[in-house]
Amino acid sequence: MVGDDRRADGGAADLGCAVHFVEHRTVTERPDGLRPVLDL
C-alpha cells in the first residue's frame, strides 16, 4: 500500500500489507517521490 497519510493508509498494515509512505507535497515539489516504489 502506497499513500501519504500515515493513519489512514497505514491501516493496511493491520491487514498484513506492506506499507510505503510518500510526502504530501505539490506537484512541482515532488517530481520523483513515487519512483522508490519500483525498488520495493
PDB file of all heavy atoms in Angstrom:
ATOM      1  N   MET A   1       0.854  -1.187   0.000  1.00  0.00           N
ATOM      2  CA  MET A   1       0.000   0.000   0.000  1.00  0.00           C
ATOM      3  C   MET A   1       0.886   1.232   0.000  1.00  0.00           C
ATOM      4  O   MET A   1       1.791   1.360   0.833  1.00  0.00           O
ATOM      5  CB  MET A   1      -0.904   0.005   1.245  1.00  0.00           C
ATOM      6  CG  MET A   1      -1.738   1.277   1.412  1.00  0.00           C
ATOM      7  SD  MET A   1      -2.998   1.466   0.117  1.00  0.00           S
ATOM      8  CE  MET A   1      -3.220   3.256   0.097  1.00  0.00           C
ATOM      9  N   VAL A   2       0.623   2.155  -0.924  1.00  0.00           N
ATOM     10  CA  VAL A   2       1.402   3.386  -1.041  1.00  0.00           C
ATOM     11  C   VAL A   2       0.476   4.574  -0.805  1.00  0.00           C
ATOM     12  O   VAL A   2      -0.550   4.711  -1.489  1.00  0.00           O
ATOM     13  CB  VAL A   2       2.049   3.510  -2.435  1.00  0.00           C
ATOM     14  CG1 VAL A   2       2.871   4.801  -2.533  1.00  0.00           C
ATOM     15  CG2 VAL A   2       2.910   2.290  -2.739  1.00  0.00           C
ATOM     16  N   GLY A   3       0.812   5.402   0.173  1.00  0.00           N
ATOM     17  CA  GLY A   3      -0.038   6.554   0.476  1.00  0.00           C
ATOM     18  C   GLY A   3       0.728   7.643   1.191  1.00  0.00           C
ATOM     19  O   GLY A   3       1.911   7.481   1.520  1.00  0.00           O
ATOM     20  N   ASP A   4       0.041   8.743   1.458  1.00  0.00           N
ATOM     21  CA  ASP A   4       0.682   9.892   2.103  1.00  0.00           C
ATOM     22  C   ASP A   4       0.184  10.131   3.519  1.00  0.00           C
ATOM     23  O   ASP A   4       0.717  10.995   4.213  1.00  0.00           O
ATOM     24  CB  ASP A   4       0.442  11.166   1.278  1.00  0.00           C
ATOM     25  CG  ASP A   4      -1.029  11.563   1.270  1.00  0.00           C
ATOM     26  OD1 ASP A   4      -1.864  10.767   0.789  1.00  0.00           O
ATOM     27  OD2 ASP A   4      -1.350  12.656   1.749  1.00  0.00           O
ATOM     28  N   ASP A   5      -0.821   9.390   3.944  1.00  0.00           N
ATOM     29  CA  ASP A   5      -1.427   9.594   5.258  1.00  0.00           C
ATOM     30  C   ASP A   5      -1.089   8.401   6.159  1.00  0.00           C
ATOM     31  O   ASP A   5      -1.572   7.291   5.936  1.00  0.00           O
ATOM     32  CB  ASP A   5      -2.946   9.730   5.110  1.00  0.00           C
ATOM     33  CG  ASP A   5      -3.650  10.135   6.401  1.00  0.00           C
ATOM     34  OD1 ASP A   5      -3.274   9.618   7.475  1.00  0.00           O
ATOM     35  OD2 ASP A   5      -4.581  10.960   6.330  1.00  0.00           O
ATOM     36  N   ARG A   6      -0.261   8.645   7.164  1.00  0.00           N
ATOM     37  CA  ARG A   6       0.214   7.537   7.999  1.00  0.00           C
ATOM     38  C   ARG A   6      -0.914   6.859   8.772  1.00  0.00           C
ATOM     39  O   ARG A   6      -0.850   5.652   9.022  1.00  0.00           O
ATOM     40  CB  ARG A   6       1.321   8.027   8.940  1.00  0.00           C
ATOM     41  CG  ARG A   6       2.577   8.388   8.176  1.00  0.00           C
ATOM     42  CD  ARG A   6       3.732   8.765   9.063  1.00  0.00           C
ATOM     43  NE  ARG A   6       4.913   9.009   8.240  1.00  0.00           N
ATOM     44  CZ  ARG A   6       5.784   8.081   7.850  1.00  0.00           C
ATOM     45  NH1 ARG A   6       5.610   6.825   8.252  1.00  0.00           N
ATOM     46  NH2 ARG A   6       6.811   8.378   7.090  1.00  0.00           N
ATOM     47  N   ARG A   7      -1.919   7.601   9.153  1.00  0.00           N
ATOM     48  CA  ARG A   7      -3.028   6.980   9.878  1.00  0.00           C
ATOM     49  C   ARG A   7      -3.942   6.224   8.915  1.00  0.00           C
ATOM     50  O   ARG A   7      -4.193   5.031   9.088  1.00  0.00           O
ATOM     51  CB  ARG A   7      -3.823   8.031  10.648  1.00  0.00           C
ATOM     52  CG  ARG A   7      -5.027   7.431  11.389  1.00  0.00           C
ATOM     53  CD  ARG A   7      -5.829   8.476  12.153  1.00  0.00           C
ATOM     54  NE  ARG A   7      -6.995   7.869  12.774  1.00  0.00           N
ATOM     55  CZ  ARG A   7      -8.159   7.700  12.148  1.00  0.00           C
ATOM     56  NH1 ARG A   7      -8.305   8.089  10.887  1.00  0.00           N
ATOM     57  NH2 ARG A   7      -9.187   7.138  12.777  1.00  0.00           N
ATOM     58  N   ALA A   8      -4.460   6.926   7.911  1.00  0.00           N
ATOM     59  CA  ALA A   8      -5.436   6.310   7.010  1.00  0.00           C
ATOM     60  C   ALA A   8      -4.820   5.181   6.191  1.00  0.00           C
ATOM     61  O   ALA A   8      -5.319   4.051   6.177  1.00  0.00           O
ATOM     62  CB  ALA A   8      -6.036   7.367   6.087  1.00  0.00           C
ATOM     63  N   ASP A   9      -3.728   5.469   5.507  1.00  0.00           N
ATOM     64  CA  ASP A   9      -3.110   4.465   4.642  1.00  0.00           C
ATOM     65  C   ASP A   9      -2.359   3.409   5.448  1.00  0.00           C
ATOM     66  O   ASP A   9      -2.229   2.265   5.008  1.00  0.00           O
ATOM     67  CB  ASP A   9      -2.168   5.154   3.649  1.00  0.00           C
ATOM     68  CG  ASP A   9      -2.911   6.146   2.756  1.00  0.00           C
ATOM     69  OD1 ASP A   9      -3.976   5.768   2.232  1.00  0.00           O
ATOM     70  OD2 ASP A   9      -2.445   7.285   2.595  1.00  0.00           O
ATOM     71  N   GLY A  10      -1.901   3.808   6.623  1.00  0.00           N
ATOM     72  CA  GLY A  10      -1.208   2.854   7.477  1.00  0.00           C
ATOM     73  C   GLY A  10      -2.093   1.738   7.976  1.00  0.00           C
ATOM     74  O   GLY A  10      -1.594   0.698   8.443  1.00  0.00           O
ATOM     75  N   GLY A  11      -3.403   1.898   7.873  1.00  0.00           N
ATOM     76  CA  GLY A  11      -4.320   0.840   8.285  1.00  0.00           C
ATOM     77  C   GLY A  11      -4.137  -0.445   7.508  1.00  0.00           C
ATOM     78  O   GLY A  11      -4.520  -1.525   7.976  1.00  0.00           O
ATOM     79  N   ALA A  12      -3.533  -0.349   6.311  1.00  0.00           N
ATOM     80  CA  ALA A  12      -3.311  -1.556   5.508  1.00  0.00           C
ATOM     81  C   ALA A  12      -2.367  -2.533   6.214  1.00  0.00           C
ATOM     82  O   ALA A  12      -2.438  -3.746   5.992  1.00  0.00           O
ATOM     83  CB  ALA A  12      -2.749  -1.169   4.143  1.00  0.00           C
ATOM     84  N   ALA A  13      -1.486  -2.000   7.055  1.00  0.00           N
ATOM     85  CA  ALA A  13      -0.543  -2.871   7.774  1.00  0.00           C
ATOM     86  C   ALA A  13      -1.270  -3.824   8.706  1.00  0.00           C
ATOM     87  O   ALA A  13      -0.816  -4.953   8.940  1.00  0.00           O
ATOM     88  CB  ALA A  13       0.457  -2.023   8.555  1.00  0.00           C
ATOM     89  N   ASP A  14      -2.403  -3.390   9.240  1.00  0.00           N
ATOM     90  CA  ASP A  14      -3.172  -4.245  10.147  1.00  0.00           C
ATOM     91  C   ASP A  14      -3.786  -5.443   9.425  1.00  0.00           C
ATOM     92  O   ASP A  14      -4.184  -6.410  10.070  1.00  0.00           O
ATOM     93  CB  ASP A  14      -4.273  -3.425  10.826  1.00  0.00           C
ATOM     94  CG  ASP A  14      -3.718  -2.362  11.755  1.00  0.00           C
ATOM     95  OD1 ASP A  14      -2.621  -2.570  12.300  1.00  0.00           O
ATOM     96  OD2 ASP A  14      -4.375  -1.316  11.931  1.00  0.00           O
ATOM     97  N   LEU A  15      -3.863  -5.341   8.103  1.00  0.00           N
ATOM     98  CA  LEU A  15      -4.374  -6.461   7.306  1.00  0.00           C
ATOM     99  C   LEU A  15      -3.242  -7.386   6.874  1.00  0.00           C
ATOM    100  O   LEU A  15      -3.486  -8.483   6.380  1.00  0.00           O
ATOM    101  CB  LEU A  15      -5.115  -5.923   6.067  1.00  0.00           C
ATOM    102  CG  LEU A  15      -5.907  -6.911   5.231  1.00  0.00           C
ATOM    103  CD1 LEU A  15      -7.097  -7.467   6.019  1.00  0.00           C
ATOM    104  CD2 LEU A  15      -6.383  -6.257   3.936  1.00  0.00           C
ATOM    105  N   GLY A  16      -2.009  -6.928   7.043  1.00  0.00           N
ATOM    106  CA  GLY A  16      -0.865  -7.730   6.635  1.00  0.00           C
ATOM    107  C   GLY A  16      -0.154  -7.217   5.403  1.00  0.00           C
ATOM    108  O   GLY A  16       0.800  -7.851   4.917  1.00  0.00           O
ATOM    109  N   CYS A  17      -0.596  -6.064   4.871  1.00  0.00           N
ATOM    110  CA  CYS A  17       0.062  -5.473   3.710  1.00  0.00           C
ATOM    111  C   CYS A  17       1.350  -4.771   4.131  1.00  0.00           C
ATOM    112  O   CYS A  17       1.451  -4.254   5.249  1.00  0.00           O
ATOM    113  CB  CYS A  17      -0.836  -4.441   3.030  1.00  0.00           C
ATOM    114  SG  CYS A  17      -2.426  -5.054   2.440  1.00  0.00           S
ATOM    115  N   ALA A  18       2.310  -4.722   3.230  1.00  0.00           N
ATOM    116  CA  ALA A  18       3.449  -3.819   3.411  1.00  0.00           C
ATOM    117  C   ALA A  18       2.958  -2.410   3.102  1.00  0.00           C
ATOM    118  O   ALA A  18       2.012  -2.225   2.331  1.00  0.00           O
ATOM    119  CB  ALA A  18       4.576  -4.212   2.470  1.00  0.00           C
ATOM    120  N   VAL A  19       3.579  -1.418   3.716  1.00  0.00           N
ATOM    121  CA  VAL A  19       3.144  -0.026   3.520  1.00  0.00           C
ATOM    122  C   VAL A  19       4.352   0.848   3.224  1.00  0.00           C
ATOM    123  O   VAL A  19       5.408   0.710   3.848  1.00  0.00           O
ATOM    124  CB  VAL A  19       2.402   0.507   4.765  1.00  0.00           C
ATOM    125  CG1 VAL A  19       1.962   1.954   4.546  1.00  0.00           C
ATOM    126  CG2 VAL A  19       1.194  -0.369   5.090  1.00  0.00           C
ATOM    127  N   HIS A  20       4.188   1.742   2.256  1.00  0.00           N
ATOM    128  CA  HIS A  20       5.229   2.718   1.921  1.00  0.00           C
ATOM    129  C   HIS A  20       4.582   4.098   1.845  1.00  0.00           C
ATOM    130  O   HIS A  20       3.529   4.254   1.217  1.00  0.00           O
ATOM    131  CB  HIS A  20       5.872   2.375   0.574  1.00  0.00           C
ATOM    132  CG  HIS A  20       6.879   3.383   0.109  1.00  0.00           C
ATOM    133  ND1 HIS A  20       8.148   3.485   0.652  1.00  0.00           N
ATOM    134  CD2 HIS A  20       6.796   4.351  -0.839  1.00  0.00           C
ATOM    135  CE1 HIS A  20       8.803   4.458   0.050  1.00  0.00           C
ATOM    136  NE2 HIS A  20       8.005   5.000  -0.857  1.00  0.00           N
ATOM    137  N   PHE A  21       5.205   5.081   2.483  1.00  0.00           N
ATOM    138  CA  PHE A  21       4.638   6.429   2.512  1.00  0.00           C
ATOM    139  C   PHE A  21       5.413   7.379   1.612  1.00  0.00           C
ATOM    140  O   PHE A  21       6.642   7.297   1.495  1.00  0.00           O
ATOM    141  CB  PHE A  21       4.639   6.979   3.944  1.00  0.00           C
ATOM    142  CG  PHE A  21       3.751   6.209   4.883  1.00  0.00           C
ATOM    143  CD1 PHE A  21       4.297   5.364   5.841  1.00  0.00           C
ATOM    144  CD2 PHE A  21       2.374   6.312   4.797  1.00  0.00           C
ATOM    145  CE1 PHE A  21       3.480   4.646   6.692  1.00  0.00           C
ATOM    146  CE2 PHE A  21       1.546   5.589   5.642  1.00  0.00           C
ATOM    147  CZ  PHE A  21       2.102   4.755   6.601  1.00  0.00           C
ATOM    148  N   VAL A  22       4.647   8.279   0.969  1.00  0.00           N
ATOM    149  CA  VAL A  22       5.232   9.379   0.208  1.00  0.00           C
ATOM    150  C   VAL A  22       4.830  10.681   0.888  1.00  0.00           C
ATOM    151  O   VAL A  22       3.891  10.724   1.684  1.00  0.00           O
ATOM    152  CB  VAL A  22       4.743   9.379  -1.258  1.00  0.00           C
ATOM    153  CG1 VAL A  22       5.226   8.138  -1.981  1.00  0.00           C
ATOM    154  CG2 VAL A  22       3.219   9.489  -1.339  1.00  0.00           C
ATOM    155  N   GLU A  23       5.538  11.745   0.576  1.00  0.00           N
ATOM    156  CA  GLU A  23       5.240  13.041   1.175  1.00  0.00           C
ATOM    157  C   GLU A  23       4.142  13.746   0.396  1.00  0.00           C
ATOM    158  O   GLU A  23       4.137  13.740  -0.832  1.00  0.00           O
ATOM    159  CB  GLU A  23       6.498  13.915   1.207  1.00  0.00           C
ATOM    160  CG  GLU A  23       7.592  13.369   2.101  1.00  0.00           C
ATOM    161  CD  GLU A  23       8.768  14.313   2.201  1.00  0.00           C
ATOM    162  OE1 GLU A  23       8.611  15.505   1.840  1.00  0.00           O
ATOM    163  OE2 GLU A  23       9.838  13.876   2.633  1.00  0.00           O
ATOM    164  N   HIS A  24       3.215  14.358   1.136  1.00  0.00           N
ATOM    165  CA  HIS A  24       2.107  15.102   0.518  1.00  0.00           C
ATOM    166  C   HIS A  24       2.627  16.502   0.178  1.00  0.00           C
ATOM    167  O   HIS A  24       2.573  17.412   0.993  1.00  0.00           O
ATOM    168  CB  HIS A  24       0.924  15.175   1.492  1.00  0.00           C
ATOM    169  CG  HIS A  24      -0.295  15.803   0.898  1.00  0.00           C
ATOM    170  ND1 HIS A  24      -1.440  15.093   0.630  1.00  0.00           N
ATOM    171  CD2 HIS A  24      -0.565  17.077   0.513  1.00  0.00           C
ATOM    172  CE1 HIS A  24      -2.353  15.897   0.121  1.00  0.00           C
ATOM    173  NE2 HIS A  24      -1.837  17.113   0.041  1.00  0.00           N
ATOM    174  N   ARG A  25       3.130  16.634  -1.039  1.00  0.00           N
ATOM    175  CA  ARG A  25       3.676  17.913  -1.495  1.00  0.00           C
ATOM    176  C   ARG A  25       3.014  18.313  -2.808  1.00  0.00           C
ATOM    177  O   ARG A  25       2.287  17.527  -3.413  1.00  0.00           O
ATOM    178  CB  ARG A  25       5.199  17.809  -1.692  1.00  0.00           C
ATOM    179  CG  ARG A  25       5.984  17.599  -0.400  1.00  0.00           C
ATOM    180  CD  ARG A  25       7.471  17.533  -0.691  1.00  0.00           C
ATOM    181  NE  ARG A  25       8.246  17.427   0.546  1.00  0.00           N
ATOM    182  CZ  ARG A  25       8.744  18.471   1.203  1.00  0.00           C
ATOM    183  NH1 ARG A  25       8.516  19.704   0.744  1.00  0.00           N
ATOM    184  NH2 ARG A  25       9.449  18.309   2.313  1.00  0.00           N
ATOM    185  N   THR A  26       3.292  19.540  -3.245  1.00  0.00           N
ATOM    186  CA  THR A  26       2.761  19.975  -4.531  1.00  0.00           C
ATOM    187  C   THR A  26       3.450  19.201  -5.651  1.00  0.00           C
ATOM    188  O   THR A  26       4.493  18.569  -5.455  1.00  0.00           O
ATOM    189  CB  THR A  26       2.984  21.483  -4.740  1.00  0.00           C
ATOM    190  OG1 THR A  26       4.390  21.739  -4.826  1.00  0.00           O
ATOM    191  CG2 THR A  26       2.386  22.286  -3.594  1.00  0.00           C
ATOM    192  N   VAL A  27       2.885  19.289  -6.844  1.00  0.00           N
ATOM    193  CA  VAL A  27       3.427  18.566  -7.997  1.00  0.00           C
ATOM    194  C   VAL A  27       4.855  19.005  -8.303  1.00  0.00           C
ATOM    195  O   VAL A  27       5.721  18.178  -8.620  1.00  0.00           O
ATOM    196  CB  VAL A  27       2.500  18.768  -9.218  1.00  0.00           C
ATOM    197  CG1 VAL A  27       3.175  18.299 -10.493  1.00  0.00           C
ATOM    198  CG2 VAL A  27       1.184  18.016  -9.006  1.00  0.00           C
ATOM    199  N   THR A  28       5.118  20.293  -8.211  1.00  0.00           N
ATOM    200  CA  THR A  28       6.469  20.775  -8.530  1.00  0.00           C
ATOM    201  C   THR A  28       7.473  20.434  -7.442  1.00  0.00           C
ATOM    202  O   THR A  28       8.667  20.302  -7.715  1.00  0.00           O
ATOM    203  CB  THR A  28       6.456  22.298  -8.751  1.00  0.00           C
ATOM    204  OG1 THR A  28       5.893  22.946  -7.594  1.00  0.00           O
ATOM    205  CG2 THR A  28       5.616  22.659  -9.971  1.00  0.00           C
ATOM    206  N   GLU A  29       7.004  20.269  -6.211  1.00  0.00           N
ATOM    207  CA  GLU A  29       7.906  19.965  -5.101  1.00  0.00           C
ATOM    208  C   GLU A  29       8.255  18.481  -5.001  1.00  0.00           C
ATOM    209  O   GLU A  29       9.187  18.119  -4.284  1.00  0.00           O
ATOM    210  CB  GLU A  29       7.267  20.402  -3.775  1.00  0.00           C
ATOM    211  CG  GLU A  29       7.142  21.906  -3.597  1.00  0.00           C
ATOM    212  CD  GLU A  29       6.359  22.274  -2.353  1.00  0.00           C
ATOM    213  OE1 GLU A  29       5.492  21.465  -1.943  1.00  0.00           O
ATOM    214  OE2 GLU A  29       6.600  23.353  -1.818  1.00  0.00           O
ATOM    215  N   ARG A  30       7.517  17.627  -5.710  1.00  0.00           N
ATOM    216  CA  ARG A  30       7.746  16.181  -5.581  1.00  0.00           C
ATOM    217  C   ARG A  30       7.799  15.529  -6.962  1.00  0.00           C
ATOM    218  O   ARG A  30       6.876  14.852  -7.388  1.00  0.00           O
ATOM    219  CB  ARG A  30       6.639  15.559  -4.734  1.00  0.00           C
ATOM    220  CG  ARG A  30       7.081  14.321  -3.939  1.00  0.00           C
ATOM    221  CD  ARG A  30       5.903  13.542  -3.419  1.00  0.00           C
ATOM    222  NE  ARG A  30       5.296  12.761  -4.478  1.00  0.00           N
ATOM    223  CZ  ARG A  30       4.100  12.165  -4.376  1.00  0.00           C
ATOM    224  NH1 ARG A  30       3.379  12.294  -3.286  1.00  0.00           N
ATOM    225  NH2 ARG A  30       3.607  11.470  -5.384  1.00  0.00           N
ATOM    226  N   PRO A  31       8.905  15.738  -7.690  1.00  0.00           N
ATOM    227  CA  PRO A  31       8.981  15.216  -9.056  1.00  0.00           C
ATOM    228  C   PRO A  31       9.173  13.709  -9.158  1.00  0.00           C
ATOM    229  O   PRO A  31       8.831  13.111 -10.179  1.00  0.00           O
ATOM    230  CB  PRO A  31      10.189  15.959  -9.640  1.00  0.00           C
ATOM    231  CG  PRO A  31      11.049  16.244  -8.451  1.00  0.00           C
ATOM    232  CD  PRO A  31      10.089  16.525  -7.327  1.00  0.00           C
ATOM    233  N   ASP A  32       9.749  13.078  -8.131  1.00  0.00           N
ATOM    234  CA  ASP A  32      10.065  11.655  -8.253  1.00  0.00           C
ATOM    235  C   ASP A  32       9.803  10.881  -6.967  1.00  0.00           C
ATOM    236  O   ASP A  32      10.470   9.897  -6.681  1.00  0.00           O
ATOM    237  CB  ASP A  32      11.521  11.475  -8.668  1.00  0.00           C
ATOM    238  CG  ASP A  32      12.493  12.208  -7.745  1.00  0.00           C
ATOM    239  OD1 ASP A  32      12.038  12.772  -6.732  1.00  0.00           O
ATOM    240  OD2 ASP A  32      13.704  12.209  -8.039  1.00  0.00           O
ATOM    241  N   GLY A  33       8.804  11.303  -6.216  1.00  0.00           N
ATOM    242  CA  GLY A  33       8.516  10.657  -4.938  1.00  0.00           C
ATOM    243  C   GLY A  33       7.992   9.241  -5.041  1.00  0.00           C
ATOM    244  O   GLY A  33       8.084   8.469  -4.081  1.00  0.00           O
ATOM    245  N   LEU A  34       7.460   8.864  -6.206  1.00  0.00           N
ATOM    246  CA  LEU A  34       6.911   7.521  -6.368  1.00  0.00           C
ATOM    247  C   LEU A  34       7.935   6.508  -6.872  1.00  0.00           C
ATOM    248  O   LEU A  34       7.732   5.296  -6.740  1.00  0.00           O
ATOM    249  CB  LEU A  34       5.721   7.549  -7.344  1.00  0.00           C
ATOM    250  CG  LEU A  34       4.455   8.239  -6.836  1.00  0.00           C
ATOM    251  CD1 LEU A  34       3.471   8.443  -7.985  1.00  0.00           C
ATOM    252  CD2 LEU A  34       3.794   7.445  -5.716  1.00  0.00           C
ATOM    253  N   ARG A  35       9.020   6.966  -7.423  1.00  0.00           N
ATOM    254  CA  ARG A  35       9.996   6.041  -8.032  1.00  0.00           C
ATOM    255  C   ARG A  35      10.565   5.012  -7.052  1.00  0.00           C
ATOM    256  O   ARG A  35      10.836   3.871  -7.452  1.00  0.00           O
ATOM    257  CB  ARG A  35      11.119   6.840  -8.701  1.00  0.00           C
ATOM    258  CG  ARG A  35      10.665   7.495  -9.991  1.00  0.00           C
ATOM    259  CD  ARG A  35      11.732   8.300 -10.647  1.00  0.00           C
ATOM    260  NE  ARG A  35      11.190   9.032 -11.798  1.00  0.00           N
ATOM    261  CZ  ARG A  35      11.675  10.174 -12.239  1.00  0.00           C
ATOM    262  NH1 ARG A  35      12.722  10.726 -11.647  1.00  0.00           N
ATOM    263  NH2 ARG A  35      11.116  10.771 -13.270  1.00  0.00           N
ATOM    264  N   PRO A  36      10.769   5.361  -5.776  1.00  0.00           N
ATOM    265  CA  PRO A  36      11.264   4.334  -4.850  1.00  0.00           C
ATOM    266  C   PRO A  36      10.375   3.103  -4.733  1.00  0.00           C
ATOM    267  O   PRO A  36      10.839   2.033  -4.322  1.00  0.00           O
ATOM    268  CB  PRO A  36      11.351   5.087  -3.514  1.00  0.00           C
ATOM    269  CG  PRO A  36      11.588   6.520  -3.909  1.00  0.00           C
ATOM    270  CD  PRO A  36      10.756   6.702  -5.142  1.00  0.00           C
ATOM    271  N   VAL A  37       9.097   3.234  -5.116  1.00  0.00           N
ATOM    272  CA  VAL A  37       8.198   2.080  -5.085  1.00  0.00           C
ATOM    273  C   VAL A  37       8.737   0.962  -5.962  1.00  0.00           C
ATOM    274  O   VAL A  37       8.647  -0.232  -5.616  1.00  0.00           O
ATOM    275  CB  VAL A  37       6.770   2.491  -5.544  1.00  0.00           C
ATOM    276  CG1 VAL A  37       5.882   1.262  -5.747  1.00  0.00           C
ATOM    277  CG2 VAL A  37       6.141   3.437  -4.529  1.00  0.00           C
ATOM    278  N   LEU A  38       9.309   1.317  -7.089  1.00  0.00           N
ATOM    279  CA  LEU A  38       9.811   0.306  -8.018  1.00  0.00           C
ATOM    280  C   LEU A  38      10.952  -0.502  -7.420  1.00  0.00           C
ATOM    281  O   LEU A  38      11.134  -1.676  -7.733  1.00  0.00           O
ATOM    282  CB  LEU A  38      10.256   0.960  -9.326  1.00  0.00           C
ATOM    283  CG  LEU A  38       9.157   1.693 -10.101  1.00  0.00           C
ATOM    284  CD1 LEU A  38       9.736   2.351 -11.346  1.00  0.00           C
ATOM    285  CD2 LEU A  38       8.012   0.758 -10.466  1.00  0.00           C
ATOM    286  N   ASP A  39      11.708   0.126  -6.523  1.00  0.00           N
ATOM    287  CA  ASP A  39      12.812  -0.579  -5.867  1.00  0.00           C
ATOM    288  C   ASP A  39      12.326  -1.583  -4.840  1.00  0.00           C
ATOM    289  O   ASP A  39      13.103  -2.441  -4.382  1.00  0.00           O
ATOM    290  CB  ASP A  39      13.754   0.421  -5.197  1.00  0.00           C
ATOM    291  CG  ASP A  39      14.435   1.356  -6.193  1.00  0.00           C
ATOM    292  OD1 ASP A  39      14.635   0.921  -7.353  1.00  0.00           O
ATOM    293  OD2 ASP A  39      14.716   2.511  -5.823  1.00  0.00           O
ATOM    294  N   LEU A  40      11.051  -1.455  -4.438  1.00  0.00           N
ATOM    295  CA  LEU A  40      10.494  -2.360  -3.437  1.00  0.00           C
ATOM    296  C   LEU A  40       9.882  -3.607  -4.064  1.00  0.00           C
ATOM    297  O   LEU A  40       9.432  -4.502  -3.358  1.00  0.00           O
ATOM    298  CB  LEU A  40       9.428  -1.627  -2.616  1.00  0.00           C
ATOM    299  CG  LEU A  40       9.904  -0.401  -1.835  1.00  0.00           C
ATOM    300  CD1 LEU A  40       8.711   0.310  -1.180  1.00  0.00           C
ATOM    301  CD2 LEU A  40      10.922  -0.802  -0.780  1.00  0.00           C
TER     302      LEU A  40
END
